[in-house]
Amino acid sequence: MLKEFRDFIMTGNVIDLAVAVLLAGAVGLVVNGFVNDIMMPFVGYFTGGIDFSDFKLVLSEAVLAEDGSVATPESAIRYGAWINSIINLIIVGFVLFMIVKSYNKVRTKKEAPAPEPKGPTQEELLSEIRDLLKKK
């Protein structure tokens, strides 16, 4: 069983998948940093400094105990965080679109080889029919 597992792990597909997962994690960190540290300040600037993550609909206020600690935490629908997630998705989608578009421009296009005929062409068949008719 260990030999089969080793053979499975050493196949190219599993190693390629592992590399892809690690790269996806690294790219995710870069994209999140780009969105949070570069793009979201622009969004905040153009929206007048509004931070959407503070928007919420409070269902019940937090209850404080006698000593000042929180006895019951606040219950709220944080729709601002959801708005931030949507903005994040749009920005990430646009950045990925630009990356793929530039990659497609840079990538060299290989011309597909012309498919080889699987059988005789029409002209060859017609000439064979003509030759057969001449013999009769």
Protein backbone atom coordinates (compact mmCIF):
# COMPACT_ATOMS: atom_id res chain seq x y z
CA MET A 1 0.00 0.00 0.00
CA LEU A 2 2.87 2.40 0.75
CA LYS A 3 4.41 1.66 -2.65
CA GLU A 4 1.13 2.45 -4.40
CA PHE A 5 0.80 5.67 -2.40
CA ARG A 6 4.38 6.69 -3.29
CA ASP A 7 3.70 5.97 -6.99
CA PHE A 8 0.50 8.03 -6.80
CA ILE A 9 2.23 10.98 -5.12
CA MET A 10 5.12 10.92 -7.56
CA THR A 11 2.93 11.19 -10.64
CA GLY A 12 3.20 14.48 -12.47
CA ASN A 13 -0.44 15.44 -11.98
CA VAL A 14 -0.26 15.39 -8.17
CA ILE A 15 2.97 17.38 -8.09
CA ASP A 16 1.55 19.91 -10.58
CA LEU A 17 -1.57 20.22 -8.42
CA ALA A 18 0.53 20.81 -5.29
CA VAL A 19 2.55 23.52 -7.03
CA ALA A 20 -0.65 25.13 -8.31
CA VAL A 21 -2.20 25.18 -4.82
CA LEU A 22 0.91 26.77 -3.31
CA LEU A 23 1.09 29.36 -6.08
CA ALA A 24 -2.63 30.10 -5.72
CA GLY A 25 -2.12 30.80 -2.03
CA ALA A 26 0.77 33.16 -2.77
CA VAL A 27 -1.15 34.91 -5.55
CA GLY A 28 -4.13 35.21 -3.20
CA LEU A 29 -1.97 37.05 -0.67
CA VAL A 30 -0.62 39.39 -3.35
CA VAL A 31 -4.10 40.11 -4.75
CA ASN A 32 -5.57 40.69 -1.27
CA GLY A 33 -2.70 43.05 -0.47
CA PHE A 34 -3.28 44.89 -3.74
CA VAL A 35 -7.00 45.22 -3.08
CA ASN A 36 -6.77 46.16 0.61
CA ASP A 37 -3.68 48.36 0.51
CA ILE A 38 -3.88 50.00 -2.91
CA MET A 39 -7.40 49.85 -4.36
CA MET A 40 -9.60 50.22 -1.27
CA PRO A 41 -7.99 53.58 -0.31
CA PHE A 42 -9.00 54.82 -3.79
CA VAL A 43 -12.54 53.56 -3.25
CA GLY A 44 -12.60 55.27 0.14
CA TYR A 45 -11.29 58.49 -1.40
CA PHE A 46 -13.94 58.56 -4.12
CA THR A 47 -16.73 57.72 -1.67
CA GLY A 48 -15.76 60.55 0.65
CA GLY A 49 -13.82 58.46 3.17
CA ILE A 50 -16.65 56.04 3.85
CA ASP A 51 -15.56 52.72 5.31
CA PHE A 52 -18.25 50.25 4.36
CA SER A 53 -17.10 47.73 6.95
CA ASP A 54 -18.61 49.92 9.70
CA PHE A 55 -22.14 49.68 8.25
CA LYS A 56 -24.39 47.36 10.22
CA LEU A 57 -27.96 46.84 11.31
CA VAL A 58 -27.99 46.25 15.06
CA LEU A 59 -30.55 43.66 16.13
CA SER A 60 -29.73 43.85 19.83
CA GLU A 61 -27.26 46.06 21.66
CA ALA A 62 -24.43 44.65 23.73
CA VAL A 63 -25.23 44.21 27.43
CA LEU A 64 -22.52 45.25 29.87
CA ALA A 65 -21.99 43.59 33.23
CA GLU A 66 -21.47 45.48 36.51
CA ASP A 67 -17.68 45.37 36.11
CA GLY A 68 -17.78 46.88 32.60
CA SER A 69 -17.17 43.65 30.71
CA VAL A 70 -19.50 42.49 27.96
CA ALA A 71 -22.14 40.12 29.35
CA THR A 72 -23.99 39.67 26.05
CA PRO A 73 -22.29 40.68 22.79
CA GLU A 74 -23.98 42.83 20.20
CA SER A 75 -26.05 41.04 17.57
CA ALA A 76 -25.86 42.82 14.22
CA ILE A 77 -26.11 42.21 10.50
CA ARG A 78 -22.82 43.53 9.11
CA TYR A 79 -23.90 44.37 5.57
CA GLY A 80 -20.96 46.77 5.17
CA ALA A 81 -18.49 43.89 5.30
CA TRP A 82 -20.55 42.21 2.58
CA ILE A 83 -20.37 45.38 0.45
CA ASN A 84 -16.59 45.38 0.93
CA SER A 85 -16.51 41.74 -0.20
CA ILE A 86 -18.44 42.61 -3.36
CA ILE A 87 -16.08 45.51 -4.13
CA ASN A 88 -13.15 43.17 -3.47
CA LEU A 89 -14.62 40.58 -5.88
CA ILE A 90 -15.10 43.17 -8.62
CA ILE A 91 -11.55 44.47 -8.25
CA VAL A 92 -10.02 40.97 -8.16
CA GLY A 93 -12.09 39.93 -11.18
CA PHE A 94 -10.94 42.97 -13.13
CA VAL A 95 -7.28 42.41 -12.21
CA LEU A 96 -7.47 38.74 -13.20
CA PHE A 97 -9.19 39.72 -16.45
CA MET A 98 -6.35 42.13 -17.24
CA ILE A 99 -3.72 39.49 -16.40
CA VAL A 100 -5.36 36.87 -18.64
CA LYS A 101 -5.87 39.39 -21.43
CA SER A 102 -2.21 40.47 -21.36
CA TYR A 103 -1.09 36.83 -21.16
CA ASN A 104 -3.13 35.98 -24.24
CA LYS A 105 -1.52 38.87 -26.15
CA VAL A 106 2.00 37.84 -25.18
CA ARG A 107 1.54 34.13 -25.74
CA THR A 108 2.78 33.00 -29.11
CA LYS A 109 0.06 31.49 -31.17
CA LYS A 110 0.86 28.14 -32.68
CA GLU A 111 -0.74 27.41 -35.99
CA ALA A 112 -2.62 24.16 -35.96
CA PRO A 113 -1.26 21.73 -38.51
CA ALA A 114 -3.56 21.10 -41.42
CA PRO A 115 -5.49 17.91 -40.86
CA GLU A 116 -4.36 15.14 -43.10
CA PRO A 117 -7.08 13.71 -45.31
CA LYS A 118 -8.47 10.46 -44.00
CA GLY A 119 -9.21 9.10 -47.41
CA PRO A 120 -9.06 9.98 -51.09
CA THR A 121 -10.21 13.43 -52.12
CA GLN A 122 -13.27 14.05 -54.28
CA GLU A 123 -11.12 14.59 -57.33
CA GLU A 124 -9.36 11.27 -56.84
CA LEU A 125 -12.67 9.45 -56.40
CA LEU A 126 -14.12 11.11 -59.50
CA SER A 127 -11.06 10.21 -61.57
CA GLU A 128 -11.32 6.57 -60.38
CA ILE A 129 -14.99 6.48 -61.35
CA ARG A 130 -14.13 7.97 -64.75
CA ASP A 131 -11.41 5.38 -65.31
CA LEU A 132 -13.76 2.55 -64.33
CA LEU A 133 -16.44 3.84 -66.70
CA LYS A 134 -13.90 4.04 -69.54
CA LYS A 135 -12.98 0.38 -69.04
CA LYS A 136 -16.58 -0.76 -69.44
